[in-house]
């Protein structure tokens, strides 16, 4: 089905008809805030290109909601996906809130929040500043996507594989690419970046240990000189240095030099990296469409 009105209207039609379909989005930027409920499984949307098909809004965590209380990071998302088996292709998700000073309170501005299992994004863009992509929970696959932000611009507790993605920092001071929230050794969550590239401005940590057992791996990834030599930050808690899993494998570029990294990160061996660098990391061979 092809539509030129709002994504909200199309989803309402699907809900009434109790059907599932691939939605082809035509036209340019659409200013709307969208929440796809958990009851709408197998929703797929496809745009005409991530530079042309854009869904945008400008909420921030400190903006007041209908109840008069701040929205919070969770509800600031331009698009929130709560439905399993969601697929998006060639669409841009954008939060147009102004970029705040580094460390500003209440300025988290999510472009997309994915809170469902088994979701895939191909050729998409995620544009924002602080907390751009909320990789909240579930198994997710990002292929050939562009993700831009400043602080913690990929964050959450998902189990996610990012393959061939361009990660671009936009900050004039310190920023952080990831903030992964794995809170227990028993949780099978984490972020893996394979054959990606990291570029941008400012000084960037590869990740901050939001969770005590935070887990992030970069493999075969180009890193520009913006990456700080230490690479990682313990979130101000030295105890996390003993429990996090932060690693690199065969990365390259001026920011990939491992010699200055914190002692509690790892330069992985082939055997250590193997579980993170294929679709098996997210059990993708069992749920991803060909």
Protein backbone atom coordinates (compact mmCIF):
# COMPACT_ATOMS: atom_id res chain seq x y z
CA UNK A 1 0.00 0.00 0.00
CA UNK A 2 1.24 3.49 -0.88
CA UNK A 3 0.21 6.58 1.07
CA UNK A 4 1.03 10.28 1.04
CA UNK A 5 -0.74 11.35 4.24
CA UNK A 6 0.49 10.64 7.76
CA UNK A 7 1.91 7.42 9.08
CA UNK A 8 -0.54 7.69 11.98
CA UNK A 9 -3.51 7.59 9.60
CA UNK A 10 -2.19 4.52 7.83
CA UNK A 11 -1.59 2.69 11.10
CA UNK A 12 -5.14 3.52 12.19
CA UNK A 13 -6.46 1.97 8.97
CA UNK A 14 -4.41 -1.18 9.57
CA UNK A 15 -5.68 -1.41 13.14
CA UNK A 16 -9.34 -1.10 12.07
CA UNK A 17 -8.95 -3.60 9.25
CA UNK A 18 -6.79 -5.93 11.38
CA UNK A 19 -4.38 -6.42 8.47
CA UNK A 20 -0.66 -6.21 7.94
CA UNK A 21 1.01 -4.66 4.91
CA UNK A 22 4.15 -3.07 3.59
CA UNK A 23 3.61 0.69 3.76
CA UNK A 24 5.32 2.65 0.99
CA UNK A 25 5.74 6.24 2.19
CA UNK A 26 5.77 8.83 -0.59
CA UNK A 27 6.54 12.51 -0.31
CA UNK A 28 8.98 14.55 1.75
CA UNK A 29 9.30 15.36 5.45
CA UNK A 30 6.30 14.50 7.59
CA UNK A 31 6.07 16.32 10.90
CA UNK A 32 4.35 13.91 13.28
CA UNK A 33 4.87 11.93 16.45
CA UNK A 34 4.10 8.23 16.05
CA UNK A 35 3.60 5.42 18.57
CA UNK A 36 3.15 1.94 17.09
CA UNK A 37 1.42 -0.28 19.71
CA UNK A 38 2.45 -3.80 20.67
CA UNK A 39 -0.77 -5.18 19.18
CA UNK A 40 0.33 -4.29 15.63
CA UNK A 41 2.89 -7.01 14.83
CA UNK A 42 4.45 -7.41 11.37
CA UNK A 43 4.29 -3.71 10.40
CA UNK A 44 6.70 -2.77 7.59
CA UNK A 45 7.36 0.72 6.23
CA UNK A 46 9.41 1.65 3.19
CA UNK A 47 10.38 5.13 2.07
CA UNK A 48 11.66 6.59 -1.18
CA UNK A 49 15.07 7.15 0.37
CA UNK A 50 16.28 8.31 3.77
CA UNK A 51 17.18 11.73 2.33
CA UNK A 52 13.65 12.16 1.02
CA UNK A 53 11.27 10.29 3.34
CA UNK A 54 11.66 11.86 6.79
CA UNK A 55 9.51 11.59 9.91
CA UNK A 56 10.37 14.38 12.36
CA UNK A 57 9.31 15.91 15.68
CA UNK A 58 11.04 17.98 18.36
CA UNK A 59 10.12 16.70 21.85
CA UNK A 60 12.68 16.69 24.66
CA UNK A 61 12.68 14.91 28.01
CA UNK A 62 11.92 18.11 29.92
CA UNK A 63 8.96 19.12 27.75
CA UNK A 64 5.62 18.95 29.56
CA UNK A 65 3.16 16.29 28.44
CA UNK A 66 -0.64 16.36 28.53
CA UNK A 67 -0.57 15.56 32.25
CA UNK A 68 1.60 18.58 32.95
CA UNK A 69 4.63 16.45 33.84
CA UNK A 70 7.89 16.17 31.89
CA UNK A 71 7.80 13.57 29.14
CA UNK A 72 11.07 11.94 30.13
CA UNK A 73 13.51 10.34 27.70
CA UNK A 74 11.24 7.35 26.97
CA UNK A 75 8.31 9.47 25.74
CA UNK A 76 10.41 12.04 23.87
CA UNK A 77 10.74 9.75 20.84
CA UNK A 78 9.59 11.01 17.45
CA UNK A 79 8.72 7.41 16.53
CA UNK A 80 8.19 4.71 19.17
CA UNK A 81 7.96 1.10 18.02
CA UNK A 82 6.43 -1.38 20.46
CA UNK A 83 5.38 -4.01 17.92
CA UNK A 84 7.39 -7.18 17.18
CA UNK A 85 8.58 -8.07 13.68
CA UNK A 86 8.85 -4.40 12.65
CA UNK A 87 10.79 -3.52 9.49
CA UNK A 88 11.77 -0.07 8.19
CA UNK A 89 13.62 0.56 4.93
CA UNK A 90 14.92 3.82 3.44
CA UNK A 91 13.28 6.11 6.01
CA UNK A 92 14.78 8.85 8.20
CA UNK A 93 13.70 9.29 11.81
CA UNK A 94 14.59 12.72 13.13
CA UNK A 95 14.33 14.68 16.35
CA UNK A 96 14.75 18.33 15.43
CA UNK A 97 15.24 19.68 18.98
CA UNK A 98 18.27 22.02 19.09
CA UNK A 99 21.56 20.48 20.13
CA UNK A 100 22.06 21.22 23.85
CA UNK A 101 25.32 22.02 25.61
CA UNK A 102 27.18 18.87 26.68
CA UNK A 103 25.78 17.61 29.98
CA UNK A 104 22.58 19.68 29.87
CA UNK A 105 19.76 18.23 31.96
CA UNK A 106 16.42 17.21 30.47
CA UNK A 107 17.52 17.68 26.86
CA UNK A 108 17.42 14.04 25.80
CA UNK A 109 15.65 14.02 22.44
CA UNK A 110 15.02 10.58 20.96
CA UNK A 111 14.50 10.17 17.20
CA UNK A 112 13.42 6.53 17.44
CA UNK A 113 12.74 4.17 20.32
CA UNK A 114 12.55 0.46 19.56
CA UNK A 115 11.00 -1.47 22.47
CA UNK A 116 10.05 -4.70 20.72
CA UNK A 117 11.71 -7.95 19.73
CA UNK A 118 12.79 -8.89 16.22
CA UNK A 119 13.03 -5.55 14.40
CA UNK A 120 15.12 -4.63 11.37
CA UNK A 121 16.17 -1.28 9.90
CA UNK A 122 17.79 -1.14 6.46
CA UNK A 123 19.11 1.99 4.77
CA UNK A 124 17.57 4.22 7.44
CA UNK A 125 18.79 7.42 9.08
CA UNK A 126 18.47 8.37 12.74
CA UNK A 127 19.17 12.07 13.29
CA UNK A 128 19.37 13.83 16.64
CA UNK A 129 21.77 15.05 19.30
CA UNK A 130 21.55 13.72 22.85
CA UNK A 131 20.11 10.16 22.99
CA UNK A 132 19.23 9.83 19.29
CA UNK A 133 18.49 6.10 19.04
CA UNK A 134 16.91 4.41 22.04
CA UNK A 135 17.76 0.75 21.45
CA UNK A 136 15.57 -0.09 24.40
CA UNK A 137 14.97 -3.85 24.43
CA UNK A 138 14.68 -6.85 22.13
CA UNK A 139 16.73 -8.25 19.25
CA UNK A 140 17.43 -5.75 16.48
CA UNK A 141 19.32 -5.57 13.20
CA UNK A 142 20.59 -2.33 11.62
CA UNK A 143 22.01 -2.61 8.10
CA UNK A 144 23.63 0.25 6.15
CA UNK A 145 22.10 2.90 8.42
CA UNK A 146 23.32 6.40 9.29
CA UNK A 147 23.13 7.40 12.96
CA UNK A 148 24.02 10.90 14.15
CA UNK A 149 24.18 12.42 17.61
CA UNK A 150 26.34 13.86 20.34
CA UNK A 151 25.96 12.19 23.75
CA UNK A 152 24.94 8.53 24.20
CA UNK A 153 23.40 8.62 20.75
CA UNK A 154 22.93 4.84 20.69
CA UNK A 155 21.71 3.71 24.10
CA UNK A 156 19.53 1.13 25.83
CA UNK A 157 19.55 -2.56 26.68
CA UNK A 158 18.83 -4.16 23.33
CA UNK A 159 20.64 -7.13 21.79
CA UNK A 160 21.59 -5.52 18.50
CA UNK A 161 23.84 -5.97 15.50
CA UNK A 162 24.87 -2.88 13.52
CA UNK A 163 26.34 -3.88 10.17
CA UNK A 164 27.84 -1.47 7.65
CA UNK A 165 26.51 1.58 9.50
CA UNK A 166 27.89 5.14 9.50
CA UNK A 167 28.04 6.58 13.03
CA UNK A 168 28.58 10.33 12.99
CA UNK A 169 29.25 12.45 16.06
CA UNK A 170 28.19 16.09 16.06
CA UNK A 171 29.61 17.84 19.09
CA UNK A 172 32.04 20.64 19.86
CA UNK A 173 33.10 19.08 23.16
CA UNK A 174 33.06 15.59 24.66
CA UNK A 175 30.47 13.08 23.53
CA UNK A 176 29.78 9.35 23.70
CA UNK A 177 28.68 7.00 20.97
CA UNK A 178 27.06 4.27 23.10
CA UNK A 179 25.53 3.82 26.55
CA UNK A 180 24.60 0.16 26.88
CA UNK A 181 22.59 -0.83 29.96
CA UNK A 182 23.21 -4.54 30.54
CA UNK A 183 22.71 -4.89 34.28
CA UNK A 184 23.56 -8.52 34.98
CA UNK A 185 25.96 -11.22 33.81
CA UNK A 186 22.87 -13.30 33.03
CA UNK A 187 21.39 -10.78 30.55
CA UNK A 188 22.01 -11.66 26.90
CA UNK A 189 22.12 -8.08 25.67
CA UNK A 190 24.73 -5.86 24.07
CA UNK A 191 25.65 -3.88 20.96
CA UNK A 192 27.93 -5.17 18.20
CA UNK A 193 29.21 -2.92 15.39
CA UNK A 194 30.63 -4.77 12.40
CA UNK A 195 32.22 -3.13 9.33
CA UNK A 196 30.99 0.29 10.40
CA UNK A 197 32.69 3.69 10.31
CA UNK A 198 32.85 6.37 13.01
CA UNK A 199 33.35 9.99 11.96
CA UNK A 200 32.41 13.49 13.10
CA UNK A 201 33.55 16.33 15.31
CA UNK A 202 34.54 16.81 18.93
CA UNK A 203 36.07 14.19 21.21
CA UNK A 204 34.16 10.94 21.42
CA UNK A 205 34.10 7.97 23.78
CA UNK A 206 33.19 4.70 22.09
CA UNK A 207 30.95 3.97 25.03
CA UNK A 208 29.95 4.71 28.59
CA UNK A 209 29.06 1.98 31.06
CA UNK A 210 25.41 2.85 31.73
CA UNK A 211 24.85 -0.67 33.05
CA UNK A 212 27.16 -2.44 35.48
CA UNK A 213 27.68 -5.23 32.91
CA UNK A 214 27.54 -3.01 29.81
CA UNK A 215 28.62 -4.90 26.67
CA UNK A 216 29.78 -3.28 23.40
CA UNK A 217 32.05 -4.62 20.64
CA UNK A 218 33.47 -2.94 17.52
CA UNK A 219 34.86 -5.18 14.76
CA UNK A 220 36.39 -4.34 11.37
CA UNK A 221 35.35 -0.72 11.97
CA UNK A 222 37.01 2.48 10.79
CA UNK A 223 37.49 5.06 13.56
CA UNK A 224 38.33 8.68 12.80
CA UNK A 225 40.69 10.70 15.00
CA UNK A 226 37.76 11.99 17.12
CA UNK A 227 37.90 8.86 19.32
CA UNK A 228 39.56 9.64 22.65
CA UNK A 229 42.68 7.51 23.29
CA UNK A 230 41.11 5.97 26.42
CA UNK A 231 38.11 4.93 24.38
CA UNK A 232 35.70 4.12 27.20
CA UNK A 233 34.30 5.64 30.40
CA UNK A 234 33.19 3.82 33.55
CA UNK A 235 30.24 6.17 34.28
CA UNK A 236 32.06 7.37 37.40
CA UNK A 237 31.98 3.92 39.03
CA UNK A 238 35.29 2.04 39.23
CA UNK A 239 33.47 -1.15 40.20
CA UNK A 240 32.08 -1.35 36.67
CA UNK A 241 35.59 -1.72 35.31
CA UNK A 242 35.56 -5.30 36.64
CA UNK A 243 32.25 -6.30 35.05
CA UNK A 244 31.84 -4.52 31.71
CA UNK A 245 32.77 -6.07 28.35
CA UNK A 246 34.16 -3.45 25.97
CA UNK A 247 36.15 -4.77 23.03
CA UNK A 248 37.67 -4.11 19.62
CA UNK A 249 38.63 -6.55 16.89
CA UNK A 250 40.65 -5.61 13.81
CA UNK A 251 39.48 -1.99 13.78
CA UNK A 252 41.44 0.61 11.84
CA UNK A 253 41.93 4.34 11.33
CA UNK A 254 43.54 7.07 13.47
CA UNK A 255 41.05 6.59 16.31
CA UNK A 256 41.40 2.81 16.50
CA UNK A 257 44.87 2.70 18.03
CA UNK A 258 44.55 0.38 21.01
CA UNK A 259 47.71 1.43 22.86
CA UNK A 260 46.04 4.23 24.86
CA UNK A 261 42.83 2.38 25.76
CA UNK A 262 41.73 1.90 29.36
CA UNK A 263 43.16 -1.27 30.87
CA UNK A 264 39.70 -2.76 31.41
CA UNK A 265 38.77 -2.79 27.72
CA UNK A 266 39.89 -5.60 25.41
CA UNK A 267 41.63 -6.14 22.10
CA UNK A 268 39.78 -9.30 21.20
CA UNK A 269 41.19 -12.47 19.71
CA UNK A 270 39.44 -14.11 16.76
CA UNK A 271 37.90 -16.65 19.13
CA UNK A 272 36.63 -13.95 21.50
CA UNK A 273 35.19 -11.86 18.67
CA UNK A 274 33.46 -14.71 16.83
CA UNK A 275 30.18 -14.68 18.83
CA UNK A 276 29.66 -10.97 18.09
CA UNK A 277 30.34 -10.62 14.36
CA UNK A 278 27.56 -12.57 12.64
CA UNK A 279 23.78 -12.78 12.66
CA UNK A 280 24.08 -15.51 15.27
CA UNK A 281 24.72 -12.76 17.84
CA UNK A 282 21.04 -11.77 17.57
CA UNK A 283 19.77 -15.23 16.53
CA UNK A 284 18.97 -13.48 13.27
CA UNK A 285 19.00 -16.53 11.01
CA UNK A 286 15.79 -17.68 12.72
CA UNK A 287 13.72 -14.49 12.45
CA UNK A 288 15.16 -12.11 9.86
CA UNK A 289 13.58 -12.26 6.38
CA UNK A 290 15.98 -12.99 3.53
